[in-house]
Amino acid sequence: MAKLNIAPTKSNLLAIKEQLSVATDGYDLLEQKREILVMDLMRLVDQVTLLERDIDKAISEAYPALRQMLMTVGGDRTERIAHAVKYDYRMKEKSVTVGGTTFSSIDVELPQQQLFYSFGGTFAGTDKVTVCFFKLLNLLTQMASIRTIVWRLANEVKKTQRRVNALDKMIIPQDKETKIYIESVLEERERENVFVLKSLKSRKVAENNEVAQ
């Protein structure tokens, strides 16, 4: 890792030490943040897995019920019943805080389930189809909300990891090498100054001795 291109002075040494201290503290904090984000991400992934299982189960109940309805009352009557079903859904943006980071997600407010069709011209399985698909819709809205958070949390983990890597692999090693370089130059200058002072002192003593003779 190449050192920073700065003059080897005492003031720059103090500055690079301060910069190194900040970078080291920043690395520790970001590493802690990354670990928290990863744990929360894994927790949400587990929730997604459970939701996927519930959705698969709901699909396995809803579509056979619909197929039975089509076979019993026919496609035209099923379509007329479907057109009679009208729900208003409220969707709004919400803020979710995960691992100390706030994300924007969606919140879907489902209406209360009710019947929109008359009992005439329907069959016993109509209610079952409605209940099954309403349940499936509820699960899908939950999945949409949690997947939004998971996607954004995964991006935050990637960003944090890039910062951790930059500090660990580039900034901190570069600051350390620069610090070592400046310290070595200053130490060499100090030794040279001491040598010069000793030489001047020895020369002065020799001159005084010559004068005394």
N, C-alpha and C. Protein backbone atom coordinates (compact mmCIF):
# COMPACT_ATOMS: atom_id res chain seq x y z
N MET A 1 0.83 -1.19 0.00
CA MET A 1 0.00 0.00 0.00
C MET A 1 0.87 1.25 0.00
N ALA A 2 0.68 2.14 -0.96
CA ALA A 2 1.47 3.36 -1.08
C ALA A 2 1.08 4.34 0.01
N LYS A 3 2.08 5.04 0.53
CA LYS A 3 1.82 6.04 1.55
C LYS A 3 1.26 7.30 0.91
N LEU A 4 0.70 8.15 1.76
CA LEU A 4 0.19 9.44 1.29
C LEU A 4 1.35 10.35 0.91
N ASN A 5 1.14 11.18 -0.10
CA ASN A 5 2.18 12.08 -0.58
C ASN A 5 2.11 13.40 0.19
N ILE A 6 2.62 13.38 1.44
CA ILE A 6 2.63 14.58 2.26
C ILE A 6 4.02 14.76 2.84
N ALA A 7 4.32 16.01 3.21
CA ALA A 7 5.65 16.33 3.74
C ALA A 7 5.83 15.69 5.12
N PRO A 8 7.01 15.12 5.39
CA PRO A 8 7.28 14.47 6.68
C PRO A 8 7.59 15.51 7.76
N THR A 9 6.54 16.18 8.25
CA THR A 9 6.72 17.18 9.30
C THR A 9 5.98 16.74 10.57
N LYS A 10 6.29 17.38 11.68
CA LYS A 10 5.64 17.04 12.94
C LYS A 10 4.15 17.34 12.90
N SER A 11 3.79 18.45 12.28
CA SER A 11 2.37 18.79 12.19
C SER A 11 1.61 17.76 11.36
N ASN A 12 2.21 17.30 10.27
CA ASN A 12 1.57 16.27 9.45
C ASN A 12 1.52 14.93 10.18
N LEU A 13 2.52 14.67 11.03
CA LEU A 13 2.50 13.44 11.83
C LEU A 13 1.32 13.47 12.80
N LEU A 14 1.11 14.61 13.46
CA LEU A 14 -0.03 14.74 14.36
C LEU A 14 -1.35 14.57 13.60
N ALA A 15 -1.40 15.16 12.40
CA ALA A 15 -2.62 15.07 11.59
C ALA A 15 -2.90 13.63 11.15
N ILE A 16 -1.86 12.91 10.73
CA ILE A 16 -2.06 11.54 10.25
C ILE A 16 -2.40 10.62 11.42
N LYS A 17 -1.86 10.89 12.61
CA LYS A 17 -2.23 10.10 13.78
C LYS A 17 -3.71 10.29 14.11
N GLU A 18 -4.16 11.54 14.03
CA GLU A 18 -5.57 11.82 14.29
C GLU A 18 -6.46 11.15 13.23
N GLN A 19 -6.03 11.24 11.99
CA GLN A 19 -6.78 10.61 10.90
C GLN A 19 -6.84 9.09 11.07
N LEU A 20 -5.74 8.51 11.49
CA LEU A 20 -5.69 7.06 11.71
C LEU A 20 -6.60 6.65 12.86
N SER A 21 -6.62 7.46 13.92
CA SER A 21 -7.49 7.17 15.06
C SER A 21 -8.96 7.22 14.65
N VAL A 22 -9.31 8.25 13.86
CA VAL A 22 -10.71 8.37 13.39
C VAL A 22 -11.07 7.20 12.49
N ALA A 23 -10.17 6.83 11.59
CA ALA A 23 -10.43 5.73 10.67
C ALA A 23 -10.59 4.41 11.42
N THR A 24 -9.77 4.19 12.45
CA THR A 24 -9.86 2.96 13.24
C THR A 24 -11.17 2.89 14.01
N ASP A 25 -11.54 4.02 14.62
CA ASP A 25 -12.83 4.06 15.34
C ASP A 25 -13.99 3.86 14.36
N GLY A 26 -13.88 4.49 13.20
CA GLY A 26 -14.93 4.35 12.19
C GLY A 26 -15.06 2.92 11.71
N TYR A 27 -13.91 2.25 11.58
CA TYR A 27 -13.94 0.84 11.16
C TYR A 27 -14.67 -0.01 12.20
N ASP A 28 -14.36 0.21 13.48
CA ASP A 28 -15.00 -0.57 14.54
C ASP A 28 -16.52 -0.35 14.55
N LEU A 29 -16.92 0.91 14.41
CA LEU A 29 -18.35 1.23 14.42
C LEU A 29 -19.06 0.63 13.20
N LEU A 30 -18.44 0.75 12.03
CA LEU A 30 -19.05 0.20 10.82
C LEU A 30 -19.12 -1.32 10.86
N GLU A 31 -18.10 -1.94 11.44
CA GLU A 31 -18.12 -3.40 11.56
C GLU A 31 -19.26 -3.85 12.48
N GLN A 32 -19.46 -3.10 13.58
CA GLN A 32 -20.58 -3.42 14.46
C GLN A 32 -21.91 -3.22 13.75
N LYS A 33 -22.01 -2.12 12.99
CA LYS A 33 -23.24 -1.86 12.23
C LYS A 33 -23.49 -2.97 11.22
N ARG A 34 -22.45 -3.40 10.53
CA ARG A 34 -22.59 -4.46 9.52
C ARG A 34 -23.10 -5.74 10.16
N GLU A 35 -22.55 -6.09 11.32
CA GLU A 35 -22.97 -7.32 12.00
C GLU A 35 -24.44 -7.24 12.42
N ILE A 36 -24.86 -6.07 12.91
CA ILE A 36 -26.27 -5.90 13.30
C ILE A 36 -27.17 -6.00 12.08
N LEU A 37 -26.78 -5.33 10.98
CA LEU A 37 -27.58 -5.37 9.76
C LEU A 37 -27.70 -6.79 9.22
N VAL A 38 -26.60 -7.53 9.25
CA VAL A 38 -26.62 -8.91 8.74
C VAL A 38 -27.55 -9.78 9.58
N MET A 39 -27.50 -9.60 10.92
CA MET A 39 -28.38 -10.39 11.79
C MET A 39 -29.85 -10.06 11.51
N ASP A 40 -30.16 -8.76 11.34
CA ASP A 40 -31.53 -8.37 11.03
C ASP A 40 -31.95 -8.87 9.66
N LEU A 41 -31.01 -8.85 8.73
CA LEU A 41 -31.32 -9.35 7.38
C LEU A 41 -31.65 -10.84 7.43
N MET A 42 -30.86 -11.61 8.16
CA MET A 42 -31.12 -13.03 8.27
C MET A 42 -32.46 -13.31 8.94
N ARG A 43 -32.80 -12.48 9.93
CA ARG A 43 -34.09 -12.64 10.60
C ARG A 43 -35.24 -12.40 9.62
N LEU A 44 -35.11 -11.35 8.79
CA LEU A 44 -36.14 -11.06 7.80
C LEU A 44 -36.21 -12.13 6.72
N VAL A 45 -35.06 -12.66 6.35
CA VAL A 45 -35.04 -13.74 5.36
C VAL A 45 -35.79 -14.96 5.89
N ASP A 46 -35.63 -15.23 7.19
CA ASP A 46 -36.38 -16.33 7.80
C ASP A 46 -37.89 -16.07 7.73
N GLN A 47 -38.28 -14.80 7.95
CA GLN A 47 -39.69 -14.45 7.84
C GLN A 47 -40.19 -14.64 6.41
N VAL A 48 -39.37 -14.26 5.45
CA VAL A 48 -39.74 -14.46 4.04
C VAL A 48 -39.93 -15.93 3.75
N THR A 49 -39.04 -16.76 4.28
CA THR A 49 -39.14 -18.21 4.06
C THR A 49 -40.45 -18.76 4.61
N LEU A 50 -40.82 -18.30 5.81
CA LEU A 50 -42.08 -18.75 6.41
C LEU A 50 -43.28 -18.25 5.61
N LEU A 51 -43.20 -17.00 5.14
CA LEU A 51 -44.29 -16.46 4.32
C LEU A 51 -44.42 -17.22 3.01
N GLU A 52 -43.29 -17.56 2.40
CA GLU A 52 -43.33 -18.33 1.16
C GLU A 52 -44.02 -19.68 1.37
N ARG A 53 -43.73 -20.29 2.51
CA ARG A 53 -44.39 -21.56 2.83
C ARG A 53 -45.89 -21.37 2.97
N ASP A 54 -46.30 -20.29 3.70
CA ASP A 54 -47.73 -20.03 3.88
C ASP A 54 -48.40 -19.68 2.55
N ILE A 55 -47.69 -18.96 1.68
CA ILE A 55 -48.25 -18.60 0.38
C ILE A 55 -48.44 -19.84 -0.49
N ASP A 56 -47.45 -20.71 -0.47
CA ASP A 56 -47.58 -21.96 -1.23
C ASP A 56 -48.78 -22.77 -0.75
N LYS A 57 -48.98 -22.80 0.57
CA LYS A 57 -50.11 -23.54 1.13
C LYS A 57 -51.43 -22.87 0.71
N ALA A 58 -51.46 -21.52 0.76
CA ALA A 58 -52.68 -20.80 0.38
C ALA A 58 -53.01 -21.02 -1.10
N ILE A 59 -51.97 -21.03 -1.94
CA ILE A 59 -52.18 -21.27 -3.38
C ILE A 59 -52.72 -22.67 -3.61
N SER A 60 -52.17 -23.63 -2.86
CA SER A 60 -52.61 -25.02 -3.02
C SER A 60 -54.07 -25.21 -2.59
N GLU A 61 -54.60 -24.27 -1.80
CA GLU A 61 -56.01 -24.34 -1.40
C GLU A 61 -56.89 -23.48 -2.30
N ALA A 62 -56.39 -22.31 -2.71
CA ALA A 62 -57.21 -21.36 -3.45
C ALA A 62 -57.50 -21.83 -4.88
N TYR A 63 -56.49 -22.26 -5.60
CA TYR A 63 -56.70 -22.59 -7.02
C TYR A 63 -57.51 -23.87 -7.22
N PRO A 64 -57.32 -24.90 -6.41
CA PRO A 64 -58.24 -26.05 -6.54
C PRO A 64 -59.68 -25.67 -6.24
N ALA A 65 -59.90 -24.76 -5.25
CA ALA A 65 -61.26 -24.31 -4.94
C ALA A 65 -61.85 -23.56 -6.13
N LEU A 66 -61.03 -22.72 -6.78
CA LEU A 66 -61.49 -22.00 -7.96
C LEU A 66 -61.77 -22.96 -9.11
N ARG A 67 -60.93 -23.94 -9.28
CA ARG A 67 -61.13 -24.93 -10.33
C ARG A 67 -62.44 -25.69 -10.12
N GLN A 68 -62.73 -26.02 -8.86
CA GLN A 68 -63.97 -26.71 -8.54
C GLN A 68 -65.18 -25.83 -8.82
N MET A 69 -65.04 -24.55 -8.53
CA MET A 69 -66.12 -23.60 -8.79
C MET A 69 -66.38 -23.47 -10.29
N LEU A 70 -65.31 -23.40 -11.08
CA LEU A 70 -65.47 -23.32 -12.53
C LEU A 70 -66.16 -24.56 -13.07
N MET A 71 -65.81 -25.70 -12.54
CA MET A 71 -66.42 -26.94 -13.01
C MET A 71 -67.88 -27.03 -12.60
N THR A 72 -68.23 -26.40 -11.48
CA THR A 72 -69.60 -26.52 -10.96
C THR A 72 -70.56 -25.51 -11.60
N VAL A 73 -70.17 -24.25 -11.65
CA VAL A 73 -71.10 -23.22 -12.14
C VAL A 73 -70.72 -22.69 -13.52
N GLY A 74 -69.54 -23.03 -14.03
CA GLY A 74 -69.12 -22.57 -15.35
C GLY A 74 -68.36 -21.27 -15.31
N GLY A 75 -67.66 -21.01 -16.40
CA GLY A 75 -66.80 -19.83 -16.45
C GLY A 75 -67.57 -18.53 -16.46
N ASP A 76 -68.71 -18.46 -17.21
CA ASP A 76 -69.46 -17.21 -17.32
C ASP A 76 -70.01 -16.77 -15.97
N ARG A 77 -70.61 -17.72 -15.26
CA ARG A 77 -71.19 -17.38 -13.96
C ARG A 77 -70.09 -17.03 -12.96
N THR A 78 -68.98 -17.73 -13.02
CA THR A 78 -67.85 -17.42 -12.13
C THR A 78 -67.34 -16.00 -12.39
N GLU A 79 -67.31 -15.62 -13.67
CA GLU A 79 -66.84 -14.26 -14.00
C GLU A 79 -67.81 -13.21 -13.50
N ARG A 80 -69.12 -13.48 -13.60
CA ARG A 80 -70.11 -12.52 -13.11
C ARG A 80 -69.99 -12.35 -11.59
N ILE A 81 -69.77 -13.47 -10.89
CA ILE A 81 -69.59 -13.39 -9.44
C ILE A 81 -68.33 -12.60 -9.10
N ALA A 82 -67.26 -12.85 -9.89
CA ALA A 82 -65.99 -12.14 -9.64
C ALA A 82 -66.14 -10.64 -9.84
N HIS A 83 -66.92 -10.23 -10.86
CA HIS A 83 -67.12 -8.80 -11.12
C HIS A 83 -67.90 -8.13 -9.99
N ALA A 84 -68.67 -8.91 -9.27
CA ALA A 84 -69.44 -8.34 -8.17
C ALA A 84 -68.58 -8.07 -6.94
N VAL A 85 -67.40 -8.66 -6.90
CA VAL A 85 -66.50 -8.48 -5.76
C VAL A 85 -65.67 -7.21 -5.97
N LYS A 86 -65.89 -6.23 -5.12
CA LYS A 86 -65.16 -4.96 -5.26
C LYS A 86 -64.63 -4.55 -3.89
N TYR A 87 -63.30 -4.43 -3.82
CA TYR A 87 -62.64 -4.03 -2.59
C TYR A 87 -61.81 -2.77 -2.85
N ASP A 88 -61.79 -1.90 -1.87
CA ASP A 88 -60.91 -0.73 -1.94
C ASP A 88 -59.71 -0.97 -1.00
N TYR A 89 -58.52 -0.87 -1.56
CA TYR A 89 -57.30 -1.10 -0.78
C TYR A 89 -56.58 0.22 -0.56
N ARG A 90 -56.09 0.39 0.63
CA ARG A 90 -55.35 1.60 0.96
C ARG A 90 -53.87 1.25 1.07
N MET A 91 -53.09 1.90 0.25
CA MET A 91 -51.64 1.69 0.28
C MET A 91 -50.96 3.00 0.70
N LYS A 92 -50.02 2.90 1.60
CA LYS A 92 -49.30 4.09 2.02
C LYS A 92 -47.85 3.73 2.32
N GLU A 93 -47.02 4.73 2.21
CA GLU A 93 -45.59 4.53 2.52
C GLU A 93 -45.40 4.61 4.02
N LYS A 94 -44.52 3.75 4.54
CA LYS A 94 -44.24 3.77 5.96
C LYS A 94 -42.74 3.68 6.18
N SER A 95 -42.30 4.16 7.32
CA SER A 95 -40.88 4.10 7.68
C SER A 95 -40.66 2.94 8.64
N VAL A 96 -39.64 2.17 8.37
CA VAL A 96 -39.29 1.02 9.21
C VAL A 96 -37.83 1.16 9.61
N THR A 97 -37.56 1.08 10.91
CA THR A 97 -36.18 1.18 11.41
C THR A 97 -35.66 -0.22 11.71
N VAL A 98 -34.58 -0.59 11.02
CA VAL A 98 -33.96 -1.90 11.21
C VAL A 98 -32.46 -1.69 11.38
N GLY A 99 -31.90 -2.22 12.46
CA GLY A 99 -30.48 -2.09 12.70
C GLY A 99 -30.02 -0.65 12.81
N GLY A 100 -30.89 0.21 13.34
CA GLY A 100 -30.54 1.62 13.47
C GLY A 100 -30.65 2.42 12.19
N THR A 101 -31.10 1.79 11.11
CA THR A 101 -31.25 2.47 9.82
C THR A 101 -32.72 2.49 9.44
N THR A 102 -33.20 3.64 8.98
CA THR A 102 -34.60 3.80 8.61
C THR A 102 -34.79 3.58 7.12
N PHE A 103 -35.75 2.72 6.78
CA PHE A 103 -36.05 2.40 5.39
C PHE A 103 -37.50 2.77 5.09
N SER A 104 -37.78 3.04 3.83
CA SER A 104 -39.15 3.28 3.38
C SER A 104 -39.72 1.98 2.85
N SER A 105 -40.94 1.67 3.28
CA SER A 105 -41.62 0.46 2.82
C SER A 105 -43.06 0.82 2.49
N ILE A 106 -43.86 -0.19 2.21
CA ILE A 106 -45.27 0.04 1.90
C ILE A 106 -46.13 -0.67 2.92
N ASP A 107 -47.28 -0.08 3.18
CA ASP A 107 -48.24 -0.67 4.10
C ASP A 107 -49.58 -0.76 3.36
N VAL A 108 -50.12 -1.96 3.27
CA VAL A 108 -51.38 -2.18 2.57
C VAL A 108 -52.45 -2.49 3.60
N GLU A 109 -53.47 -1.67 3.62
CA GLU A 109 -54.59 -1.88 4.54
C GLU A 109 -55.71 -2.59 3.79
N LEU A 110 -55.92 -3.83 4.15
CA LEU A 110 -56.97 -4.62 3.49
C LEU A 110 -58.33 -4.34 4.13
N PRO A 111 -59.38 -4.27 3.31
CA PRO A 111 -60.72 -4.05 3.88
C PRO A 111 -61.23 -5.32 4.55
N GLN A 112 -62.28 -5.17 5.31
CA GLN A 112 -62.87 -6.33 5.95
C GLN A 112 -63.56 -7.20 4.90
N GLN A 113 -63.36 -8.47 5.01
CA GLN A 113 -63.94 -9.39 4.03
C GLN A 113 -65.46 -9.40 4.15
N GLN A 114 -66.14 -9.39 3.01
CA GLN A 114 -67.60 -9.42 2.98
C GLN A 114 -68.07 -10.06 1.69
N LEU A 115 -69.37 -10.36 1.63
CA LEU A 115 -69.96 -10.97 0.44
C LEU A 115 -70.58 -9.89 -0.44
N PHE A 116 -70.32 -9.97 -1.76
CA PHE A 116 -70.83 -8.98 -2.69
C PHE A 116 -71.86 -9.58 -3.65
N TYR A 117 -72.21 -10.80 -3.46
CA TYR A 117 -73.08 -11.47 -4.41
C TYR A 117 -74.28 -12.05 -3.67
N SER A 118 -75.34 -12.26 -4.43
CA SER A 118 -76.54 -12.86 -3.83
C SER A 118 -76.36 -14.36 -3.76
N PHE A 119 -77.12 -14.98 -2.91
CA PHE A 119 -77.00 -16.43 -2.76
C PHE A 119 -77.57 -17.17 -3.96
N GLY A 120 -78.45 -16.50 -4.69
CA GLY A 120 -78.99 -17.15 -5.87
C GLY A 120 -77.94 -17.26 -6.97
N GLY A 121 -77.83 -18.39 -7.56
CA GLY A 121 -76.89 -18.58 -8.65
C GLY A 121 -75.48 -18.87 -8.18
N THR A 122 -75.28 -19.04 -6.89
CA THR A 122 -73.95 -19.40 -6.39
C THR A 122 -74.01 -20.81 -5.82
N PHE A 123 -72.88 -21.32 -5.42
CA PHE A 123 -72.86 -22.65 -4.82
C PHE A 123 -72.08 -22.59 -3.53
N ALA A 124 -72.08 -23.67 -2.81
CA ALA A 124 -71.51 -23.66 -1.46
C ALA A 124 -70.03 -23.31 -1.45
N GLY A 125 -69.32 -23.65 -2.54
CA GLY A 125 -67.88 -23.41 -2.58
C GLY A 125 -67.50 -21.98 -2.89
N THR A 126 -68.50 -21.10 -3.21
CA THR A 126 -68.17 -19.71 -3.54
C THR A 126 -67.50 -19.00 -2.37
N ASP A 127 -68.06 -19.19 -1.19
CA ASP A 127 -67.47 -18.56 0.00
C ASP A 127 -66.05 -19.07 0.23
N LYS A 128 -65.83 -20.36 -0.01
CA LYS A 128 -64.51 -20.93 0.19
C LYS A 128 -63.49 -20.28 -0.75
N VAL A 129 -63.90 -20.09 -2.02
CA VAL A 129 -63.00 -19.45 -2.98
C VAL A 129 -62.65 -18.04 -2.52
N THR A 130 -63.67 -17.29 -2.07
CA THR A 130 -63.45 -15.92 -1.61
C THR A 130 -62.52 -15.89 -0.41
N VAL A 131 -62.77 -16.77 0.56
CA VAL A 131 -61.94 -16.81 1.77
C VAL A 131 -60.50 -17.18 1.42
N CYS A 132 -60.32 -18.17 0.54
CA CYS A 132 -58.97 -18.63 0.18
C CYS A 132 -58.17 -17.54 -0.52
N PHE A 133 -58.80 -16.84 -1.48
CA PHE A 133 -58.07 -15.82 -2.22
C PHE A 133 -57.85 -14.56 -1.38
N PHE A 134 -58.79 -14.28 -0.47
CA PHE A 134 -58.57 -13.15 0.42
C PHE A 134 -57.37 -13.43 1.34
N LYS A 135 -57.29 -14.65 1.82
CA LYS A 135 -56.15 -15.05 2.65
C LYS A 135 -54.85 -14.96 1.85
N LEU A 136 -54.89 -15.43 0.58
CA LEU A 136 -53.72 -15.37 -0.27
C LEU A 136 -53.31 -13.92 -0.52
N LEU A 137 -54.29 -13.05 -0.75
CA LEU A 137 -53.98 -11.64 -0.98
C LEU A 137 -53.34 -11.02 0.24
N ASN A 138 -53.82 -11.36 1.41
CA ASN A 138 -53.26 -10.84 2.66
C ASN A 138 -51.79 -11.25 2.80
N LEU A 139 -51.50 -12.50 2.49
CA LEU A 139 -50.12 -12.99 2.58
C LEU A 139 -49.22 -12.31 1.55
N LEU A 140 -49.74 -12.09 0.35
CA LEU A 140 -48.96 -11.46 -0.71
C LEU A 140 -48.62 -10.01 -0.37
N THR A 141 -49.56 -9.30 0.28
CA THR A 141 -49.27 -7.91 0.67
C THR A 141 -48.20 -7.88 1.77
N GLN A 142 -48.26 -8.86 2.69
CA GLN A 142 -47.21 -8.95 3.71
C GLN A 142 -45.86 -9.22 3.06
N MET A 143 -45.86 -10.11 2.07
CA MET A 143 -44.61 -10.44 1.38
C MET A 143 -44.05 -9.23 0.64
N ALA A 144 -44.94 -8.46 -0.01
CA ALA A 144 -44.47 -7.28 -0.74
C ALA A 144 -43.81 -6.29 0.20
N SER A 145 -44.40 -6.11 1.37
CA SER A 145 -43.85 -5.16 2.34
C SER A 145 -42.50 -5.62 2.86
N ILE A 146 -42.41 -6.88 3.26
CA ILE A 146 -41.18 -7.37 3.87
C ILE A 146 -40.07 -7.53 2.84
N ARG A 147 -40.43 -7.88 1.59
CA ARG A 147 -39.41 -7.98 0.55
C ARG A 147 -38.79 -6.63 0.24
N THR A 148 -39.60 -5.57 0.31
CA THR A 148 -39.08 -4.22 0.09
C THR A 148 -38.01 -3.89 1.14
N ILE A 149 -38.30 -4.23 2.39
CA ILE A 149 -37.34 -3.98 3.46
C ILE A 149 -36.09 -4.83 3.27
N VAL A 150 -36.28 -6.11 2.93
CA VAL A 150 -35.14 -7.02 2.73
C VAL A 150 -34.23 -6.51 1.63
N TRP A 151 -34.82 -6.08 0.52
CA TRP A 151 -34.02 -5.59 -0.62
C TRP A 151 -33.21 -4.36 -0.23
N ARG A 152 -33.85 -3.42 0.46
CA ARG A 152 -33.15 -2.20 0.85
C ARG A 152 -32.12 -2.48 1.96
N LEU A 153 -32.45 -3.40 2.85
CA LEU A 153 -31.50 -3.76 3.90
C LEU A 153 -30.28 -4.45 3.31
N ALA A 154 -30.49 -5.30 2.31
CA ALA A 154 -29.37 -5.97 1.65
C ALA A 154 -28.46 -4.95 0.98
N ASN A 155 -29.04 -3.92 0.37
CA ASN A 155 -28.23 -2.86 -0.24
C ASN A 155 -27.44 -2.10 0.82
N GLU A 156 -28.05 -1.87 1.97
CA GLU A 156 -27.36 -1.17 3.05
C GLU A 156 -26.20 -2.01 3.57
N VAL A 157 -26.40 -3.34 3.65
CA VAL A 157 -25.31 -4.23 4.06
C VAL A 157 -24.15 -4.14 3.08
N LYS A 158 -24.46 -4.12 1.77
CA LYS A 158 -23.42 -4.02 0.75
C LYS A 158 -22.65 -2.71 0.87
N LYS A 159 -23.38 -1.61 1.06
CA LYS A 159 -22.73 -0.30 1.20
C LYS A 159 -21.83 -0.27 2.43
N THR A 160 -22.33 -0.80 3.54
CA THR A 160 -21.54 -0.82 4.77
C THR A 160 -20.31 -1.70 4.60
N GLN A 161 -20.47 -2.84 3.92
CA GLN A 161 -19.35 -3.74 3.70
C GLN A 161 -18.27 -3.08 2.84
N ARG A 162 -18.71 -2.31 1.82
CA ARG A 162 -17.73 -1.60 0.98
C ARG A 162 -16.95 -0.58 1.81
N ARG A 163 -17.62 0.11 2.71
CA ARG A 163 -16.94 1.08 3.56
C ARG A 163 -15.96 0.40 4.51
N VAL A 164 -16.41 -0.72 5.08
CA VAL A 164 -15.52 -1.49 5.97
C VAL A 164 -14.29 -1.95 5.22
N ASN A 165 -14.49 -2.46 4.01
CA ASN A 165 -13.36 -2.94 3.20
C ASN A 165 -12.41 -1.80 2.83
N ALA A 166 -12.99 -0.63 2.50
CA ALA A 166 -12.16 0.53 2.13
C ALA A 166 -11.28 0.95 3.30
N LEU A 167 -11.86 0.97 4.50
CA LEU A 167 -11.07 1.34 5.68
C LEU A 167 -10.02 0.29 5.99
N ASP A 168 -10.43 -0.98 5.93
CA ASP A 168 -9.55 -2.07 6.34
C ASP A 168 -8.44 -2.34 5.33
N LYS A 169 -8.75 -2.23 4.04
CA LYS A 169 -7.79 -2.61 3.01
C LYS A 169 -7.01 -1.43 2.41
N MET A 170 -7.53 -0.21 2.56
CA MET A 170 -6.87 0.91 1.90
C MET A 170 -6.53 2.05 2.87
N ILE A 171 -7.54 2.64 3.49
CA ILE A 171 -7.32 3.87 4.25
C ILE A 171 -6.44 3.63 5.48
N ILE A 172 -6.80 2.65 6.31
CA ILE A 172 -6.02 2.40 7.53
C ILE A 172 -4.59 1.95 7.21
N PRO A 173 -4.37 0.98 6.30
CA PRO A 173 -2.98 0.62 5.96
C PRO A 173 -2.19 1.79 5.39
N GLN A 174 -2.86 2.62 4.58
CA GLN A 174 -2.18 3.78 3.99
C GLN A 174 -1.77 4.77 5.07
N ASP A 175 -2.67 5.03 6.02
CA ASP A 175 -2.36 5.95 7.11
C ASP A 175 -1.23 5.39 7.98
N LYS A 176 -1.27 4.08 8.25
CA LYS A 176 -0.22 3.46 9.06
C LYS A 176 1.14 3.58 8.38
N GLU A 177 1.19 3.31 7.07
CA GLU A 177 2.45 3.39 6.35
C GLU A 177 2.97 4.82 6.31
N THR A 178 2.04 5.77 6.14
CA THR A 178 2.44 7.18 6.12
C THR A 178 2.98 7.58 7.49
N LYS A 179 2.32 7.14 8.55
CA LYS A 179 2.77 7.45 9.91
C LYS A 179 4.17 6.89 10.15
N ILE A 180 4.38 5.65 9.77
CA ILE A 180 5.69 5.02 9.95
C ILE A 180 6.76 5.77 9.16
N TYR A 181 6.42 6.16 7.93
CA TYR A 181 7.37 6.89 7.08
C TYR A 181 7.76 8.22 7.71
N ILE A 182 6.77 8.99 8.16
CA ILE A 182 7.06 10.30 8.74
C ILE A 182 7.87 10.14 10.01
N GLU A 183 7.51 9.17 10.86
CA GLU A 183 8.26 8.94 12.10
C GLU A 183 9.71 8.57 11.80
N SER A 184 9.93 7.74 10.77
CA SER A 184 11.30 7.33 10.44
C SER A 184 12.11 8.51 9.93
N VAL A 185 11.47 9.37 9.11
CA VAL A 185 12.18 10.55 8.59
C VAL A 185 12.52 11.50 9.73
N LEU A 186 11.55 11.74 10.63
CA LEU A 186 11.80 12.64 11.74
C LEU A 186 12.88 12.09 12.69
N GLU A 187 12.85 10.79 12.90
CA GLU A 187 13.88 10.17 13.74
C GLU A 187 15.26 10.30 13.09
N GLU A 188 15.32 10.11 11.78
CA GLU A 188 16.60 10.25 11.07
C GLU A 188 17.10 11.69 11.16
N ARG A 189 16.17 12.64 11.02
CA ARG A 189 16.57 14.05 11.14
C ARG A 189 17.09 14.33 12.55
N GLU A 190 16.42 13.74 13.55
CA GLU A 190 16.85 13.95 14.93
C GLU A 190 18.24 13.40 15.16
N ARG A 191 18.50 12.21 14.60
CA ARG A 191 19.85 11.64 14.74
C ARG A 191 20.89 12.50 14.04
N GLU A 192 20.51 13.02 12.86
CA GLU A 192 21.45 13.89 12.13
C GLU A 192 21.72 15.16 12.94
N ASN A 193 20.69 15.73 13.53
CA ASN A 193 20.86 16.94 14.33
C ASN A 193 21.77 16.68 15.54
N VAL A 194 21.54 15.52 16.17
CA VAL A 194 22.38 15.16 17.33
C VAL A 194 23.83 14.99 16.89
N PHE A 195 24.03 14.35 15.73
CA PHE A 195 25.39 14.15 15.21
C PHE A 195 26.05 15.48 14.90
N VAL A 196 25.28 16.39 14.26
CA VAL A 196 25.82 17.70 13.92
C VAL A 196 26.20 18.46 15.20
N LEU A 197 25.31 18.42 16.20
CA LEU A 197 25.58 19.12 17.46
C LEU A 197 26.83 18.56 18.14
N LYS A 198 26.97 17.24 18.14
CA LYS A 198 28.16 16.63 18.73
C LYS A 198 29.42 17.02 17.98
N SER A 199 29.30 17.06 16.65
CA SER A 199 30.46 17.44 15.84
C SER A 199 30.86 18.88 16.12
N LEU A 200 29.86 19.77 16.19
CA LEU A 200 30.15 21.17 16.48
C LEU A 200 30.76 21.33 17.87
N LYS A 201 30.24 20.54 18.81
CA LYS A 201 30.77 20.62 20.16
C LYS A 201 32.21 20.13 20.21
N SER A 202 32.47 19.04 19.51
CA SER A 202 33.84 18.49 19.48
C SER A 202 34.79 19.47 18.82
N ARG A 203 34.33 20.10 17.73
CA ARG A 203 35.17 21.07 17.02
C ARG A 203 35.47 22.26 17.93
N LYS A 204 34.44 22.71 18.65
CA LYS A 204 34.63 23.86 19.53
C LYS A 204 35.61 23.55 20.64
N VAL A 205 35.50 22.34 21.19
CA VAL A 205 36.43 21.92 22.25
C VAL A 205 37.86 21.87 21.69
N ALA A 206 38.00 21.34 20.48
CA ALA A 206 39.34 21.26 19.87
C ALA A 206 39.90 22.64 19.64
N GLU A 207 39.08 23.58 19.18
CA GLU A 207 39.55 24.94 18.93
C GLU A 207 39.98 25.62 20.24
N ASN A 208 39.21 25.39 21.28
CA ASN A 208 39.54 25.98 22.59
C ASN A 208 40.87 25.44 23.10
N ASN A 209 41.10 24.16 22.87
CA ASN A 209 42.37 23.55 23.31
C ASN A 209 43.56 24.14 22.55
N GLU A 210 43.36 24.37 21.25
CA GLU A 210 44.42 24.96 20.45
C GLU A 210 44.74 26.37 20.93
N VAL A 211 43.71 27.12 21.25
CA VAL A 211 43.91 28.50 21.74
C VAL A 211 44.66 28.48 23.08
N ALA A 212 44.29 27.53 23.92
CA ALA A 212 44.91 27.42 25.24
C ALA A 212 46.40 27.09 25.14
N GLN A 213 46.76 26.33 24.12
CA GLN A 213 48.16 25.93 23.93
C GLN A 213 48.97 27.15 23.41
